Amino acid sequence: MAVSNTIVRQHVRAIKDNVIIQDMNFKERKTKSGIILQTDDGADHGIRPRWGKVYAIGPQQELVKIGDWILVDHGRWTRGVDIITQDGFQATIRRVDNKDILGIHEGEAAPDDDGLGHLS
């Protein structure tokens, strides 16, 4: 029997100082010069940090705020859980530890996905 990893909730809250993120990019990337870099998810040659948008923070979290983009050390996030809220919002969320946050980008748009070049 297959187990679904989709939950339907009004809102998902983080506890303590945890950070929950959404919108991590695991797709192929394209450099500014037009070179296509194929997806490297699960490959040892593609080890790199990834950006994720902060979906929720715990009440003791002082480092980031909801809506920030954070750069997370490679592989330092949990498996994704698909959520659907009562109002129809859908996302895949993951938990991240504070010690694995490498940088913060405060802005609506996602930062360029080229690693450490655009940290605040």
PDB file of N, CA and C in Angstrom:
ATOM      1  N   MET A   1       0.841  -1.175   0.000  1.00  0.00           N
ATOM      2  CA  MET A   1       0.000   0.000   0.000  1.00  0.00           C
ATOM      3  C   MET A   1       0.891   1.245   0.000  1.00  0.00           C
ATOM      4  N   ALA A   2       0.635   2.156  -0.911  1.00  0.00           N
ATOM      5  CA  ALA A   2       1.417   3.392  -1.013  1.00  0.00           C
ATOM      6  C   ALA A   2       0.986   4.383   0.063  1.00  0.00           C
ATOM      7  N   VAL A   3       1.958   5.089   0.610  1.00  0.00           N
ATOM      8  CA  VAL A   3       1.684   6.093   1.632  1.00  0.00           C
ATOM      9  C   VAL A   3       1.823   7.464   1.000  1.00  0.00           C
ATOM     10  N   SER A   4       0.816   8.292   1.157  1.00  0.00           N
ATOM     11  CA  SER A   4       0.850   9.636   0.604  1.00  0.00           C
ATOM     12  C   SER A   4       1.600  10.566   1.550  1.00  0.00           C
ATOM     13  N   ASN A   5       2.376  11.498   0.983  1.00  0.00           N
ATOM     14  CA  ASN A   5       3.047  12.490   1.817  1.00  0.00           C
ATOM     15  C   ASN A   5       2.403  13.864   1.620  1.00  0.00           C
ATOM     16  N   THR A   6       1.113  13.872   1.322  1.00  0.00           N
ATOM     17  CA  THR A   6       0.361  15.122   1.174  1.00  0.00           C
ATOM     18  C   THR A   6      -0.534  15.300   2.382  1.00  0.00           C
ATOM     19  N   ILE A   7      -0.495  16.500   2.960  1.00  0.00           N
ATOM     20  CA  ILE A   7      -1.371  16.812   4.076  1.00  0.00           C
ATOM     21  C   ILE A   7      -2.209  18.032   3.731  1.00  0.00           C
ATOM     22  N   VAL A   8      -3.411  18.056   4.247  1.00  0.00           N
ATOM     23  CA  VAL A   8      -4.304  19.194   4.047  1.00  0.00           C
ATOM     24  C   VAL A   8      -4.466  19.876   5.390  1.00  0.00           C
ATOM     25  N   ARG A   9      -4.105  21.148   5.446  1.00  0.00           N
ATOM     26  CA  ARG A   9      -4.129  21.892   6.710  1.00  0.00           C
ATOM     27  C   ARG A   9      -4.551  23.330   6.472  1.00  0.00           C
ATOM     28  N   GLN A  10      -5.030  23.955   7.515  1.00  0.00           N
ATOM     29  CA  GLN A  10      -5.308  25.389   7.492  1.00  0.00           C
ATOM     30  C   GLN A  10      -3.988  26.150   7.384  1.00  0.00           C
ATOM     31  N   HIS A  11      -3.026  25.774   8.224  1.00  0.00           N
ATOM     32  CA  HIS A  11      -1.707  26.406   8.228  1.00  0.00           C
ATOM     33  C   HIS A  11      -0.736  25.468   8.930  1.00  0.00           C
ATOM     34  N   VAL A  12       0.504  25.446   8.486  1.00  0.00           N
ATOM     35  CA  VAL A  12       1.537  24.642   9.119  1.00  0.00           C
ATOM     36  C   VAL A  12       2.420  25.591   9.922  1.00  0.00           C
ATOM     37  N   ARG A  13       2.630  25.282  11.195  1.00  0.00           N
ATOM     38  CA  ARG A  13       3.448  26.125  12.072  1.00  0.00           C
ATOM     39  C   ARG A  13       4.733  25.402  12.424  1.00  0.00           C
ATOM     40  N   ALA A  14       5.787  26.169  12.546  1.00  0.00           N
ATOM     41  CA  ALA A  14       7.069  25.622  12.999  1.00  0.00           C
ATOM     42  C   ALA A  14       7.133  25.755  14.521  1.00  0.00           C
ATOM     43  N   ILE A  15       7.908  24.898  15.159  1.00  0.00           N
ATOM     44  CA  ILE A  15       8.070  24.972  16.614  1.00  0.00           C
ATOM     45  C   ILE A  15       9.500  25.416  16.945  1.00  0.00           C
ATOM     46  N   LYS A  16       9.683  25.875  18.185  1.00  0.00           N
ATOM     47  CA  LYS A  16      10.971  26.328  18.713  1.00  0.00           C
ATOM     48  C   LYS A  16      11.613  27.327  17.761  1.00  0.00           C
ATOM     49  N   ASP A  17      12.862  27.068  17.322  1.00  0.00           N
ATOM     50  CA  ASP A  17      13.525  27.993  16.401  1.00  0.00           C
ATOM     51  C   ASP A  17      13.659  27.396  14.998  1.00  0.00           C
ATOM     52  N   ASN A  18      12.804  26.442  14.679  1.00  0.00           N
ATOM     53  CA  ASN A  18      12.868  25.784  13.376  1.00  0.00           C
ATOM     54  C   ASN A  18      12.431  26.713  12.249  1.00  0.00           C
ATOM     55  N   VAL A  19      12.901  26.405  11.055  1.00  0.00           N
ATOM     56  CA  VAL A  19      12.550  27.139   9.847  1.00  0.00           C
ATOM     57  C   VAL A  19      11.964  26.137   8.860  1.00  0.00           C
ATOM     58  N   ILE A  20      10.826  26.464   8.286  1.00  0.00           N
ATOM     59  CA  ILE A  20      10.210  25.646   7.251  1.00  0.00           C
ATOM     60  C   ILE A  20      10.281  26.438   5.953  1.00  0.00           C
ATOM     61  N   ILE A  21      10.779  25.786   4.897  1.00  0.00           N
ATOM     62  CA  ILE A  21      10.946  26.471   3.620  1.00  0.00           C
ATOM     63  C   ILE A  21      10.109  25.823   2.526  1.00  0.00           C
ATOM     64  N   GLN A  22       9.946  26.560   1.443  1.00  0.00           N
ATOM     65  CA  GLN A  22       9.269  26.067   0.247  1.00  0.00           C
ATOM     66  C   GLN A  22      10.074  26.537  -0.965  1.00  0.00           C
ATOM     67  N   ASP A  23       9.669  26.148  -2.143  1.00  0.00           N
ATOM     68  CA  ASP A  23      10.227  26.632  -3.417  1.00  0.00           C
ATOM     69  C   ASP A  23      11.711  26.351  -3.615  1.00  0.00           C
ATOM     70  N   MET A  24      12.210  25.200  -3.168  1.00  0.00           N
ATOM     71  CA  MET A  24      13.594  24.834  -3.486  1.00  0.00           C
ATOM     72  C   MET A  24      13.646  24.380  -4.943  1.00  0.00           C
ATOM     73  N   ASN A  25      14.712  24.753  -5.632  1.00  0.00           N
ATOM     74  CA  ASN A  25      14.846  24.434  -7.050  1.00  0.00           C
ATOM     75  C   ASN A  25      15.715  23.197  -7.242  1.00  0.00           C
ATOM     76  N   PHE A  26      15.119  22.144  -7.791  1.00  0.00           N
ATOM     77  CA  PHE A  26      15.854  20.917  -8.085  1.00  0.00           C
ATOM     78  C   PHE A  26      15.893  20.649  -9.585  1.00  0.00           C
ATOM     79  N   LYS A  27      15.492  21.626 -10.395  1.00  0.00           N
ATOM     80  CA  LYS A  27      15.432  21.461 -11.847  1.00  0.00           C
ATOM     81  C   LYS A  27      16.763  21.847 -12.484  1.00  0.00           C
ATOM     82  N   GLU A  28      16.835  21.657 -13.804  1.00  0.00           N
ATOM     83  CA  GLU A  28      18.041  22.080 -14.506  1.00  0.00           C
ATOM     84  C   GLU A  28      18.170  23.593 -14.445  1.00  0.00           C
ATOM     85  N   ARG A  29      19.418  24.080 -14.534  1.00  0.00           N
ATOM     86  CA  ARG A  29      19.687  25.514 -14.461  1.00  0.00           C
ATOM     87  C   ARG A  29      20.302  25.968 -15.762  1.00  0.00           C
ATOM     88  N   LYS A  30      20.208  27.265 -16.017  1.00  0.00           N
ATOM     89  CA  LYS A  30      20.790  27.849 -17.214  1.00  0.00           C
ATOM     90  C   LYS A  30      21.675  29.017 -16.802  1.00  0.00           C
ATOM     91  N   THR A  31      22.921  29.000 -17.235  1.00  0.00           N
ATOM     92  CA  THR A  31      23.843  30.087 -16.896  1.00  0.00           C
ATOM     93  C   THR A  31      23.496  31.326 -17.711  1.00  0.00           C
ATOM     94  N   LYS A  32      24.062  32.466 -17.328  1.00  0.00           N
ATOM     95  CA  LYS A  32      23.817  33.714 -18.051  1.00  0.00           C
ATOM     96  C   LYS A  32      24.281  33.620 -19.500  1.00  0.00           C
ATOM     97  N   SER A  33      25.284  32.798 -19.762  1.00  0.00           N
ATOM     98  CA  SER A  33      25.788  32.644 -21.126  1.00  0.00           C
ATOM     99  C   SER A  33      25.005  31.614 -21.935  1.00  0.00           C
ATOM    100  N   GLY A  34      23.987  30.991 -21.318  1.00  0.00           N
ATOM    101  CA  GLY A  34      23.116  30.073 -22.044  1.00  0.00           C
ATOM    102  C   GLY A  34      23.445  28.604 -21.906  1.00  0.00           C
ATOM    103  N   ILE A  35      24.435  28.262 -21.111  1.00  0.00           N
ATOM    104  CA  ILE A  35      24.787  26.852 -20.917  1.00  0.00           C
ATOM    105  C   ILE A  35      23.763  26.223 -19.979  1.00  0.00           C
ATOM    106  N   ILE A  36      23.233  25.067 -20.380  1.00  0.00           N
ATOM    107  CA  ILE A  36      22.242  24.367 -19.560  1.00  0.00           C
ATOM    108  C   ILE A  36      22.958  23.360 -18.676  1.00  0.00           C
ATOM    109  N   LEU A  37      22.746  23.485 -17.369  1.00  0.00           N
ATOM    110  CA  LEU A  37      23.300  22.553 -16.389  1.00  0.00           C
ATOM    111  C   LEU A  37      22.177  21.614 -15.980  1.00  0.00           C
ATOM    112  N   GLN A  38      22.309  20.340 -16.314  1.00  0.00           N
ATOM    113  CA  GLN A  38      21.251  19.385 -16.016  1.00  0.00           C
ATOM    114  C   GLN A  38      21.071  19.233 -14.522  1.00  0.00           C
ATOM    115  N   THR A  39      19.904  18.727 -14.144  1.00  0.00           N
ATOM    116  CA  THR A  39      19.622  18.530 -12.727  1.00  0.00           C
ATOM    117  C   THR A  39      20.695  17.650 -12.103  1.00  0.00           C
ATOM    118  N   ASP A  40      21.073  17.984 -10.874  1.00  0.00           N
ATOM    119  CA  ASP A  40      22.111  17.229 -10.190  1.00  0.00           C
ATOM    120  C   ASP A  40      21.590  16.624  -8.898  1.00  0.00           C
ATOM    121  N   ASP A  41      20.308  16.581  -8.739  1.00  0.00           N
ATOM    122  CA  ASP A  41      19.724  16.036  -7.522  1.00  0.00           C
ATOM    123  C   ASP A  41      20.098  14.566  -7.378  1.00  0.00           C
ATOM    124  N   GLY A  42      20.702  14.224  -6.267  1.00  0.00           N
ATOM    125  CA  GLY A  42      21.085  12.848  -5.981  1.00  0.00           C
ATOM    126  C   GLY A  42      22.429  12.436  -6.558  1.00  0.00           C
ATOM    127  N   ALA A  43      23.117  13.348  -7.246  1.00  0.00           N
ATOM    128  CA  ALA A  43      24.420  13.022  -7.819  1.00  0.00           C
ATOM    129  C   ALA A  43      25.526  13.609  -6.948  1.00  0.00           C
ATOM    130  N   ASP A  44      26.604  12.867  -6.785  1.00  0.00           N
ATOM    131  CA  ASP A  44      27.679  13.360  -5.932  1.00  0.00           C
ATOM    132  C   ASP A  44      28.486  14.483  -6.589  1.00  0.00           C
ATOM    133  N   HIS A  45      28.438  14.619  -7.905  1.00  0.00           N
ATOM    134  CA  HIS A  45      29.183  15.679  -8.578  1.00  0.00           C
ATOM    135  C   HIS A  45      28.460  17.023  -8.533  1.00  0.00           C
ATOM    136  N   GLY A  46      27.218  17.044  -8.134  1.00  0.00           N
ATOM    137  CA  GLY A  46      26.440  18.279  -8.155  1.00  0.00           C
ATOM    138  C   GLY A  46      26.203  18.861  -6.778  1.00  0.00           C
ATOM    139  N   ILE A  47      27.104  18.615  -5.866  1.00  0.00           N
ATOM    140  CA  ILE A  47      26.910  19.089  -4.503  1.00  0.00           C
ATOM    141  C   ILE A  47      27.002  20.611  -4.472  1.00  0.00           C
ATOM    142  N   ARG A  48      25.925  21.252  -4.031  1.00  0.00           N
ATOM    143  CA  ARG A  48      25.882  22.708  -3.951  1.00  0.00           C
ATOM    144  C   ARG A  48      24.771  23.121  -3.004  1.00  0.00           C
ATOM    145  N   PRO A  49      24.882  24.300  -2.427  1.00  0.00           N
ATOM    146  CA  PRO A  49      23.783  24.802  -1.599  1.00  0.00           C
ATOM    147  C   PRO A  49      22.604  25.196  -2.483  1.00  0.00           C
ATOM    148  N   ARG A  50      21.432  25.319  -1.885  1.00  0.00           N
ATOM    149  CA  ARG A  50      20.230  25.693  -2.632  1.00  0.00           C
ATOM    150  C   ARG A  50      19.457  26.763  -1.858  1.00  0.00           C
ATOM    151  N   TRP A  51      18.751  27.603  -2.610  1.00  0.00           N
ATOM    152  CA  TRP A  51      17.898  28.627  -2.019  1.00  0.00           C
ATOM    153  C   TRP A  51      16.511  28.061  -1.759  1.00  0.00           C
ATOM    154  N   GLY A  52      15.878  28.507  -0.677  1.00  0.00           N
ATOM    155  CA  GLY A  52      14.497  28.162  -0.366  1.00  0.00           C
ATOM    156  C   GLY A  52      13.814  29.363   0.266  1.00  0.00           C
ATOM    157  N   LYS A  53      12.531  29.506   0.028  1.00  0.00           N
ATOM    158  CA  LYS A  53      11.760  30.627   0.575  1.00  0.00           C
ATOM    159  C   LYS A  53      11.182  30.228   1.927  1.00  0.00           C
ATOM    160  N   VAL A  54      11.337  31.091   2.927  1.00  0.00           N
ATOM    161  CA  VAL A  54      10.853  30.792   4.274  1.00  0.00           C
ATOM    162  C   VAL A  54       9.323  30.819   4.279  1.00  0.00           C
ATOM    163  N   TYR A  55       8.732  29.685   4.620  1.00  0.00           N
ATOM    164  CA  TYR A  55       7.282  29.520   4.671  1.00  0.00           C
ATOM    165  C   TYR A  55       6.759  29.788   6.082  1.00  0.00           C
ATOM    166  N   ALA A  56       7.474  29.294   7.092  1.00  0.00           N
ATOM    167  CA  ALA A  56       7.049  29.461   8.487  1.00  0.00           C
ATOM    168  C   ALA A  56       8.287  29.429   9.385  1.00  0.00           C
ATOM    169  N   ILE A  57       8.184  30.118  10.528  1.00  0.00           N
ATOM    170  CA  ILE A  57       9.263  30.102  11.513  1.00  0.00           C
ATOM    171  C   ILE A  57       8.678  29.830  12.889  1.00  0.00           C
ATOM    172  N   GLY A  58       9.495  29.240  13.733  1.00  0.00           N
ATOM    173  CA  GLY A  58       9.081  28.988  15.106  1.00  0.00           C
ATOM    174  C   GLY A  58       9.133  30.263  15.931  1.00  0.00           C
ATOM    175  N   PRO A  59       8.474  30.271  17.085  1.00  0.00           N
ATOM    176  CA  PRO A  59       8.398  31.475  17.918  1.00  0.00           C
ATOM    177  C   PRO A  59       9.749  31.925  18.484  1.00  0.00           C
ATOM    178  N   GLN A  60      10.731  31.042  18.547  1.00  0.00           N
ATOM    179  CA  GLN A  60      12.054  31.408  19.058  1.00  0.00           C
ATOM    180  C   GLN A  60      13.039  31.783  17.946  1.00  0.00           C
ATOM    181  N   GLN A  61      12.575  31.790  16.704  1.00  0.00           N
ATOM    182  CA  GLN A  61      13.453  32.101  15.560  1.00  0.00           C
ATOM    183  C   GLN A  61      13.701  33.600  15.468  1.00  0.00           C
ATOM    184  N   GLU A  62      14.977  34.001  15.477  1.00  0.00           N
ATOM    185  CA  GLU A  62      15.345  35.413  15.409  1.00  0.00           C
ATOM    186  C   GLU A  62      16.202  35.738  14.194  1.00  0.00           C
ATOM    187  N   LEU A  63      16.620  34.728  13.454  1.00  0.00           N
ATOM    188  CA  LEU A  63      17.547  34.918  12.349  1.00  0.00           C
ATOM    189  C   LEU A  63      16.856  35.338  11.051  1.00  0.00           C
ATOM    190  N   VAL A  64      15.740  34.714  10.740  1.00  0.00           N
ATOM    191  CA  VAL A  64      15.053  34.968   9.471  1.00  0.00           C
ATOM    192  C   VAL A  64      13.593  35.309   9.726  1.00  0.00           C
ATOM    193  N   LYS A  65      12.924  35.789   8.667  1.00  0.00           N
ATOM    194  CA  LYS A  65      11.490  36.065   8.772  1.00  0.00           C
ATOM    195  C   LYS A  65      10.773  35.428   7.585  1.00  0.00           C
ATOM    196  N   ILE A  66       9.487  35.263   7.687  1.00  0.00           N
ATOM    197  CA  ILE A  66       8.689  34.669   6.628  1.00  0.00           C
ATOM    198  C   ILE A  66       8.824  35.523   5.373  1.00  0.00           C
ATOM    199  N   GLY A  67       9.058  34.867   4.256  1.00  0.00           N
ATOM    200  CA  GLY A  67       9.221  35.557   2.986  1.00  0.00           C
ATOM    201  C   GLY A  67      10.667  35.735   2.559  1.00  0.00           C
ATOM    202  N   ASP A  68      11.624  35.627   3.505  1.00  0.00           N
ATOM    203  CA  ASP A  68      13.042  35.700   3.157  1.00  0.00           C
ATOM    204  C   ASP A  68      13.424  34.482   2.318  1.00  0.00           C
ATOM    205  N   TRP A  69      14.453  34.631   1.515  1.00  0.00           N
ATOM    206  CA  TRP A  69      15.063  33.504   0.813  1.00  0.00           C
ATOM    207  C   TRP A  69      16.340  33.158   1.562  1.00  0.00           C
ATOM    208  N   ILE A  70      16.524  31.877   1.885  1.00  0.00           N
ATOM    209  CA  ILE A  70      17.732  31.465   2.601  1.00  0.00           C
ATOM    210  C   ILE A  70      18.518  30.463   1.760  1.00  0.00           C
ATOM    211  N   LEU A  71      19.836  30.551   1.853  1.00  0.00           N
ATOM    212  CA  LEU A  71      20.721  29.618   1.187  1.00  0.00           C
ATOM    213  C   LEU A  71      21.061  28.525   2.190  1.00  0.00           C
ATOM    214  N   VAL A  72      20.724  27.279   1.834  1.00  0.00           N
ATOM    215  CA  VAL A  72      20.861  26.142   2.743  1.00  0.00           C
ATOM    216  C   VAL A  72      21.999  25.245   2.263  1.00  0.00           C
ATOM    217  N   ASP A  73      22.875  24.869   3.193  1.00  0.00           N
ATOM    218  CA  ASP A  73      23.986  23.976   2.900  1.00  0.00           C
ATOM    219  C   ASP A  73      23.462  22.710   2.226  1.00  0.00           C
ATOM    220  N   HIS A  74      24.251  22.169   1.288  1.00  0.00           N
ATOM    221  CA  HIS A  74      23.815  21.020   0.494  1.00  0.00           C
ATOM    222  C   HIS A  74      23.315  19.858   1.355  1.00  0.00           C
ATOM    223  N   GLY A  75      22.122  19.388   1.033  1.00  0.00           N
ATOM    224  CA  GLY A  75      21.558  18.209   1.679  1.00  0.00           C
ATOM    225  C   GLY A  75      21.095  18.402   3.106  1.00  0.00           C
ATOM    226  N   ARG A  76      21.100  19.625   3.620  1.00  0.00           N
ATOM    227  CA  ARG A  76      20.755  19.879   5.018  1.00  0.00           C
ATOM    228  C   ARG A  76      19.304  20.301   5.164  1.00  0.00           C
ATOM    229  N   TRP A  77      18.426  19.649   4.444  1.00  0.00           N
ATOM    230  CA  TRP A  77      16.992  19.876   4.536  1.00  0.00           C
ATOM    231  C   TRP A  77      16.316  18.511   4.620  1.00  0.00           C
ATOM    232  N   THR A  78      15.106  18.498   5.124  1.00  0.00           N
ATOM    233  CA  THR A  78      14.374  17.234   5.246  1.00  0.00           C
ATOM    234  C   THR A  78      13.726  16.879   3.912  1.00  0.00           C
ATOM    235  N   ARG A  79      13.213  15.693   3.827  1.00  0.00           N
ATOM    236  CA  ARG A  79      12.428  15.318   2.646  1.00  0.00           C
ATOM    237  C   ARG A  79      11.220  16.233   2.564  1.00  0.00           C
ATOM    238  N   GLY A  80      10.754  16.445   1.362  1.00  0.00           N
ATOM    239  CA  GLY A  80       9.630  17.340   1.166  1.00  0.00           C
ATOM    240  C   GLY A  80       8.300  16.703   1.526  1.00  0.00           C
ATOM    241  N   VAL A  81       7.409  17.520   2.045  1.00  0.00           N
ATOM    242  CA  VAL A  81       6.035  17.115   2.320  1.00  0.00           C
ATOM    243  C   VAL A  81       5.136  18.061   1.539  1.00  0.00           C
ATOM    244  N   ASP A  82       4.258  17.501   0.717  1.00  0.00           N
ATOM    245  CA  ASP A  82       3.332  18.322  -0.052  1.00  0.00           C
ATOM    246  C   ASP A  82       2.178  18.734   0.846  1.00  0.00           C
ATOM    247  N   ILE A  83       1.851  20.032   0.820  1.00  0.00           N
ATOM    248  CA  ILE A  83       0.724  20.514   1.603  1.00  0.00           C
ATOM    249  C   ILE A  83      -0.287  21.177   0.684  1.00  0.00           C
ATOM    250  N   ILE A  84      -1.527  21.105   1.078  1.00  0.00           N
ATOM    251  CA  ILE A  84      -2.616  21.822   0.420  1.00  0.00           C
ATOM    252  C   ILE A  84      -3.413  22.484   1.533  1.00  0.00           C
ATOM    253  N   THR A  85      -3.483  23.817   1.493  1.00  0.00           N
ATOM    254  CA  THR A  85      -4.229  24.525   2.531  1.00  0.00           C
ATOM    255  C   THR A  85      -5.707  24.584   2.149  1.00  0.00           C
ATOM    256  N   GLN A  86      -6.522  24.961   3.093  1.00  0.00           N
ATOM    257  CA  GLN A  86      -7.966  25.030   2.886  1.00  0.00           C
ATOM    258  C   GLN A  86      -8.333  25.971   1.736  1.00  0.00           C
ATOM    259  N   ASP A  87      -7.512  27.009   1.513  1.00  0.00           N
ATOM    260  CA  ASP A  87      -7.808  27.971   0.438  1.00  0.00           C
ATOM    261  C   ASP A  87      -7.206  27.566  -0.909  1.00  0.00           C
ATOM    262  N   GLY A  88      -6.620  26.358  -1.007  1.00  0.00           N
ATOM    263  CA  GLY A  88      -6.128  25.837  -2.270  1.00  0.00           C
ATOM    264  C   GLY A  88      -4.651  26.059  -2.546  1.00  0.00           C
ATOM    265  N   PHE A  89      -3.911  26.705  -1.635  1.00  0.00           N
ATOM    266  CA  PHE A  89      -2.474  26.908  -1.818  1.00  0.00           C
ATOM    267  C   PHE A  89      -1.766  25.564  -1.732  1.00  0.00           C
ATOM    268  N   GLN A  90      -0.873  25.292  -2.694  1.00  0.00           N
ATOM    269  CA  GLN A  90      -0.122  24.050  -2.705  1.00  0.00           C
ATOM    270  C   GLN A  90       1.370  24.344  -2.678  1.00  0.00           C
ATOM    271  N   ALA A  91       2.117  23.577  -1.911  1.00  0.00           N
ATOM    272  CA  ALA A  91       3.563  23.750  -1.833  1.00  0.00           C
ATOM    273  C   ALA A  91       4.201  22.468  -1.310  1.00  0.00           C
ATOM    274  N   THR A  92       5.489  22.334  -1.558  1.00  0.00           N
ATOM    275  CA  THR A  92       6.291  21.288  -0.944  1.00  0.00           C
ATOM    276  C   THR A  92       7.155  21.980   0.094  1.00  0.00           C
ATOM    277  N   ILE A  93       7.037  21.545   1.348  1.00  0.00           N
ATOM    278  CA  ILE A  93       7.765  22.202   2.432  1.00  0.00           C
ATOM    279  C   ILE A  93       8.828  21.264   2.992  1.00  0.00           C
ATOM    280  N   ARG A  94       9.880  21.888   3.550  1.00  0.00           N
ATOM    281  CA  ARG A  94      10.989  21.148   4.159  1.00  0.00           C
ATOM    282  C   ARG A  94      11.456  21.901   5.396  1.00  0.00           C
ATOM    283  N   ARG A  95      12.029  21.189   6.389  1.00  0.00           N
ATOM    284  CA  ARG A  95      12.566  21.815   7.592  1.00  0.00           C
ATOM    285  C   ARG A  95      14.071  21.982   7.445  1.00  0.00           C
ATOM    286  N   VAL A  96      14.566  23.108   7.982  1.00  0.00           N
ATOM    287  CA  VAL A  96      15.987  23.428   7.928  1.00  0.00           C
ATOM    288  C   VAL A  96      16.441  23.832   9.327  1.00  0.00           C
ATOM    289  N   ASP A  97      17.637  23.400   9.735  1.00  0.00           N
ATOM    290  CA  ASP A  97      18.226  23.827  11.004  1.00  0.00           C
ATOM    291  C   ASP A  97      18.938  25.158  10.828  1.00  0.00           C
ATOM    292  N   ASN A  98      18.947  25.980  11.871  1.00  0.00           N
ATOM    293  CA  ASN A  98      19.641  27.269  11.844  1.00  0.00           C
ATOM    294  C   ASN A  98      21.099  27.136  11.432  1.00  0.00           C
ATOM    295  N   LYS A  99      21.775  26.144  11.944  1.00  0.00           N
ATOM    296  CA  LYS A  99      23.212  25.990  11.698  1.00  0.00           C
ATOM    297  C   LYS A  99      23.524  25.694  10.235  1.00  0.00           C
ATOM    298  N   ASP A 100      22.525  25.336   9.452  1.00  0.00           N
ATOM    299  CA  ASP A 100      22.732  25.005   8.046  1.00  0.00           C
ATOM    300  C   ASP A 100      22.350  26.132   7.097  1.00  0.00           C
ATOM    301  N   ILE A 101      21.994  27.294   7.640  1.00  0.00           N
ATOM    302  CA  ILE A 101      21.671  28.455   6.817  1.00  0.00           C
ATOM    303  C   ILE A 101      22.968  29.198   6.523  1.00  0.00           C
ATOM    304  N   LEU A 102      23.300  29.331   5.248  1.00  0.00           N
ATOM    305  CA  LEU A 102      24.547  29.973   4.841  1.00  0.00           C
ATOM    306  C   LEU A 102      24.377  31.458   4.548  1.00  0.00           C
ATOM    307  N   GLY A 103      23.174  31.877   4.163  1.00  0.00           N
ATOM    308  CA  GLY A 103      22.951  33.275   3.832  1.00  0.00           C
ATOM    309  C   GLY A 103      21.477  33.593   3.725  1.00  0.00           C
ATOM    310  N   ILE A 104      21.170  34.877   3.690  1.00  0.00           N
ATOM    311  CA  ILE A 104      19.787  35.348   3.643  1.00  0.00           C
ATOM    312  C   ILE A 104      19.657  36.376   2.526  1.00  0.00           C
ATOM    313  N   HIS A 105      18.603  36.271   1.757  1.00  0.00           N
ATOM    314  CA  HIS A 105      18.272  37.254   0.729  1.00  0.00           C
ATOM    315  C   HIS A 105      16.886  37.791   1.067  1.00  0.00           C
ATOM    316  N   GLU A 106      16.804  39.066   1.373  1.00  0.00           N
ATOM    317  CA  GLU A 106      15.524  39.671   1.734  1.00  0.00           C
ATOM    318  C   GLU A 106      14.920  40.299   0.488  1.00  0.00           C
ATOM    319  N   GLY A 107      13.989  39.622  -0.117  1.00  0.00           N
ATOM    320  CA  GLY A 107      13.351  40.129  -1.315  1.00  0.00           C
ATOM    321  C   GLY A 107      12.266  39.191  -1.774  1.00  0.00           C
ATOM    322  N   GLU A 108      11.334  39.719  -2.551  1.00  0.00           N
ATOM    323  CA  GLU A 108      10.226  38.916  -3.055  1.00  0.00           C
ATOM    324  C   GLU A 108      10.683  37.886  -4.079  1.00  0.00           C
ATOM    325  N   ALA A 109      11.535  38.324  -5.007  1.00  0.00           N
ATOM    326  CA  ALA A 109      11.973  37.440  -6.088  1.00  0.00           C
ATOM    327  C   ALA A 109      13.065  36.498  -5.605  1.00  0.00           C
ATOM    328  N   ALA A 110      13.082  35.319  -6.199  1.00  0.00           N
ATOM    329  CA  ALA A 110      14.124  34.350  -5.865  1.00  0.00           C
ATOM    330  C   ALA A 110      15.472  34.876  -6.321  1.00  0.00           C
ATOM    331  N   PRO A 111      16.514  34.703  -5.518  1.00  0.00           N
ATOM    332  CA  PRO A 111      17.855  35.127  -5.940  1.00  0.00           C
ATOM    333  C   PRO A 111      18.360  34.234  -7.069  1.00  0.00           C
ATOM    334  N   ASP A 112      19.371  34.725  -7.800  1.00  0.00           N
ATOM    335  CA  ASP A 112      19.995  33.891  -8.827  1.00  0.00           C
ATOM    336  C   ASP A 112      20.487  32.619  -8.160  1.00  0.00           C
ATOM    337  N   ASP A 113      20.285  31.506  -8.822  1.00  0.00           N
ATOM    338  CA  ASP A 113      20.643  30.210  -8.251  1.00  0.00           C
ATOM    339  C   ASP A 113      22.067  29.825  -8.633  1.00  0.00           C
ATOM    340  N   ASP A 114      23.020  30.702  -8.310  1.00  0.00           N
ATOM    341  CA  ASP A 114      24.406  30.406  -8.664  1.00  0.00           C
ATOM    342  C   ASP A 114      25.304  30.328  -7.443  1.00  0.00           C
ATOM    343  N   GLY A 115      24.748  29.960  -6.317  1.00  0.00           N
ATOM    344  CA  GLY A 115      25.578  29.742  -5.139  1.00  0.00           C
ATOM    345  C   GLY A 115      25.733  30.962  -4.270  1.00  0.00           C
ATOM    346  N   LEU A 116      26.955  31.302  -3.929  1.00  0.00           N
ATOM    347  CA  LEU A 116      27.223  32.316  -2.922  1.00  0.00           C
ATOM    348  C   LEU A 116      27.332  33.733  -3.467  1.00  0.00           C
ATOM    349  N   GLY A 117      27.072  33.978  -4.721  1.00  0.00           N
ATOM    350  CA  GLY A 117      27.309  35.283  -5.306  1.00  0.00           C
ATOM    351  C   GLY A 117      26.343  36.374  -4.906  1.00  0.00           C
ATOM    352  N   HIS A 118      25.219  36.057  -4.307  1.00  0.00           N
ATOM    353  CA  HIS A 118      24.210  37.085  -4.040  1.00  0.00           C
ATOM    354  C   HIS A 118      23.709  37.038  -2.606  1.00  0.00           C
ATOM    355  N   LEU A 119      24.588  36.955  -1.661  1.00  0.00           N
ATOM    356  CA  LEU A 119      24.206  36.930  -0.252  1.00  0.00           C
ATOM    357  C   LEU A 119      24.030  38.354   0.267  1.00  0.00           C
ATOM    358  N   SER A 120      23.157  38.512   1.249  1.00  0.00           N
ATOM    359  CA  SER A 120      23.037  39.824   1.883  1.00  0.00           C
ATOM    360  C   SER A 120      23.866  39.859   3.139  1.00  0.00           C
TER     361      SER A 120
END
